[in-house]
């Protein structure tokens, strides 16, 4: 199944969460934070959103930093994705 976002929506897939801290402490699954770096899976066409022209500035394959609690989490074919607005993407990681 493929996901085709509409308007200024973007589908991202989170990268793996950190298993240990920088000092070497192993984290339990309950104490892990939601990762903020993700890979763009699909991008909507942009266009007119709320009366403003939106040009999509990310493309599939880009690594991005998203707002911590932004978007809607979905699960398709045992894979977890987040659908969010382009404005919830804070930066592209190069």
C-alpha atoms as a PDB file:
ATOM      1  CA  UNK A   1       0.000   0.000   0.000  1.00  0.00           C
ATOM      2  CA  UNK A   2       1.303   3.456  -0.833  1.00  0.00           C
ATOM      3  CA  UNK A   3       0.563   6.724   0.906  1.00  0.00           C
ATOM      4  CA  UNK A   4      -0.163   9.808  -1.199  1.00  0.00           C
ATOM      5  CA  UNK A   5      -0.443  12.926   0.983  1.00  0.00           C
ATOM      6  CA  UNK A   6      -2.691  15.806  -0.021  1.00  0.00           C
ATOM      7  CA  UNK A   7      -2.082  19.584  -0.021  1.00  0.00           C
ATOM      8  CA  UNK A   8       0.944  20.575   2.113  1.00  0.00           C
ATOM      9  CA  UNK A   9       1.163  17.274   4.008  1.00  0.00           C
ATOM     10  CA  UNK A  10       4.348  15.223   4.257  1.00  0.00           C
ATOM     11  CA  UNK A  11       4.749  11.572   5.289  1.00  0.00           C
ATOM     12  CA  UNK A  12       7.879  10.801   7.317  1.00  0.00           C
ATOM     13  CA  UNK A  13       9.336   7.658   8.849  1.00  0.00           C
ATOM     14  CA  UNK A  14      11.300   8.104  12.068  1.00  0.00           C
ATOM     15  CA  UNK A  15      14.860   6.878  12.302  1.00  0.00           C
ATOM     16  CA  UNK A  16      15.725   4.354  15.001  1.00  0.00           C
ATOM     17  CA  UNK A  17      15.588   5.716  18.543  1.00  0.00           C
ATOM     18  CA  UNK A  18      18.768   5.872  20.561  1.00  0.00           C
ATOM     19  CA  UNK A  19      19.347   2.713  22.605  1.00  0.00           C
ATOM     20  CA  UNK A  20      22.007   4.240  24.874  1.00  0.00           C
ATOM     21  CA  UNK A  21      22.936   7.703  26.082  1.00  0.00           C
ATOM     22  CA  UNK A  22      26.245   9.340  25.175  1.00  0.00           C
ATOM     23  CA  UNK A  23      27.605   8.268  28.563  1.00  0.00           C
ATOM     24  CA  UNK A  24      26.697   4.622  27.879  1.00  0.00           C
ATOM     25  CA  UNK A  25      23.514   4.212  29.928  1.00  0.00           C
ATOM     26  CA  UNK A  26      21.116   1.728  28.285  1.00  0.00           C
ATOM     27  CA  UNK A  27      17.610   3.176  27.904  1.00  0.00           C
ATOM     28  CA  UNK A  28      14.432   1.186  28.484  1.00  0.00           C
ATOM     29  CA  UNK A  29      11.677   1.462  25.897  1.00  0.00           C
ATOM     30  CA  UNK A  30       9.583   3.589  28.280  1.00  0.00           C
ATOM     31  CA  UNK A  31      12.302   6.220  28.697  1.00  0.00           C
ATOM     32  CA  UNK A  32      13.152   6.645  25.007  1.00  0.00           C
ATOM     33  CA  UNK A  33      12.062   9.907  23.459  1.00  0.00           C
ATOM     34  CA  UNK A  34      10.307  10.124  20.132  1.00  0.00           C
ATOM     35  CA  UNK A  35      13.067  10.673  17.557  1.00  0.00           C
ATOM     36  CA  UNK A  36      13.011  14.046  15.840  1.00  0.00           C
ATOM     37  CA  UNK A  37      15.117  13.091  12.804  1.00  0.00           C
ATOM     38  CA  UNK A  38      13.149  11.285  10.121  1.00  0.00           C
ATOM     39  CA  UNK A  39      13.227  10.415   6.448  1.00  0.00           C
ATOM     40  CA  UNK A  40      10.659  11.887   4.072  1.00  0.00           C
ATOM     41  CA  UNK A  41       8.651   9.086   2.442  1.00  0.00           C
ATOM     42  CA  UNK A  42       6.071  11.058   0.427  1.00  0.00           C
ATOM     43  CA  UNK A  43       5.241  14.706  -0.238  1.00  0.00           C
ATOM     44  CA  UNK A  44       1.931  16.311  -1.166  1.00  0.00           C
ATOM     45  CA  UNK A  45       1.609  18.615  -4.180  1.00  0.00           C
ATOM     46  CA  UNK A  46       1.464  21.863  -2.197  1.00  0.00           C
ATOM     47  CA  UNK A  47      -0.659  24.519  -3.881  1.00  0.00           C
ATOM     48  CA  UNK A  48      -3.145  26.845  -2.215  1.00  0.00           C
ATOM     49  CA  UNK A  49      -3.515  26.218   1.518  1.00  0.00           C
ATOM     50  CA  UNK A  50      -5.594  28.656   3.597  1.00  0.00           C
ATOM     51  CA  UNK A  51      -5.421  31.198   0.783  1.00  0.00           C
ATOM     52  CA  UNK A  52      -1.625  31.119   0.541  1.00  0.00           C
ATOM     53  CA  UNK A  53       0.561  29.495  -2.105  1.00  0.00           C
ATOM     54  CA  UNK A  54       2.663  26.692  -0.570  1.00  0.00           C
ATOM     55  CA  UNK A  55       5.717  25.420  -2.452  1.00  0.00           C
ATOM     56  CA  UNK A  56       7.016  22.085  -1.176  1.00  0.00           C
ATOM     57  CA  UNK A  57      10.658  22.419  -0.110  1.00  0.00           C
ATOM     58  CA  UNK A  58      11.329  18.776   0.773  1.00  0.00           C
ATOM     59  CA  UNK A  59      11.389  15.668  -1.398  1.00  0.00           C
ATOM     60  CA  UNK A  60      11.265  11.927  -0.705  1.00  0.00           C
ATOM     61  CA  UNK A  61      14.577  10.692   0.683  1.00  0.00           C
ATOM     62  CA  UNK A  62      15.421  13.927   2.543  1.00  0.00           C
ATOM     63  CA  UNK A  63      16.409  13.634   6.210  1.00  0.00           C
ATOM     64  CA  UNK A  64      14.498  16.208   8.231  1.00  0.00           C
ATOM     65  CA  UNK A  65      14.021  17.405  11.789  1.00  0.00           C
ATOM     66  CA  UNK A  66      10.349  17.577  12.738  1.00  0.00           C
ATOM     67  CA  UNK A  67       8.657  19.288  15.660  1.00  0.00           C
ATOM     68  CA  UNK A  68       8.629  16.909  18.616  1.00  0.00           C
ATOM     69  CA  UNK A  69       4.904  16.202  18.974  1.00  0.00           C
ATOM     70  CA  UNK A  70       3.683  17.258  15.527  1.00  0.00           C
ATOM     71  CA  UNK A  71       1.596  15.243  13.133  1.00  0.00           C
ATOM     72  CA  UNK A  72      -0.529  12.119  13.257  1.00  0.00           C
ATOM     73  CA  UNK A  73       1.066   8.717  13.775  1.00  0.00           C
ATOM     74  CA  UNK A  74      -0.239   5.930  11.541  1.00  0.00           C
ATOM     75  CA  UNK A  75       0.654   2.273  11.047  1.00  0.00           C
ATOM     76  CA  UNK A  76       0.459   0.664   7.602  1.00  0.00           C
ATOM     77  CA  UNK A  77       1.772  -2.823   6.788  1.00  0.00           C
ATOM     78  CA  UNK A  78       3.485  -3.019  10.214  1.00  0.00           C
ATOM     79  CA  UNK A  79       5.441   0.179   9.486  1.00  0.00           C
ATOM     80  CA  UNK A  80       4.951   3.344  11.537  1.00  0.00           C
ATOM     81  CA  UNK A  81       4.716   6.705   9.780  1.00  0.00           C
ATOM     82  CA  UNK A  82       3.839  10.265  10.751  1.00  0.00           C
ATOM     83  CA  UNK A  83       1.769  12.576   8.553  1.00  0.00           C
ATOM     84  CA  UNK A  84       2.404  16.251   9.240  1.00  0.00           C
ATOM     85  CA  UNK A  85       2.200  19.660   7.618  1.00  0.00           C
ATOM     86  CA  UNK A  86       5.224  21.112   5.858  1.00  0.00           C
ATOM     87  CA  UNK A  87       5.299  23.879   8.470  1.00  0.00           C
ATOM     88  CA  UNK A  88       5.992  21.247  11.182  1.00  0.00           C
ATOM     89  CA  UNK A  89       9.324  20.407   9.524  1.00  0.00           C
ATOM     90  CA  UNK A  90      11.985  22.538  11.172  1.00  0.00           C
ATOM     91  CA  UNK A  91      15.083  21.740   9.100  1.00  0.00           C
ATOM     92  CA  UNK A  92      16.643  19.515   6.460  1.00  0.00           C
ATOM     93  CA  UNK A  93      19.663  17.505   7.654  1.00  0.00           C
ATOM     94  CA  UNK A  94      22.501  17.506   5.111  1.00  0.00           C
END
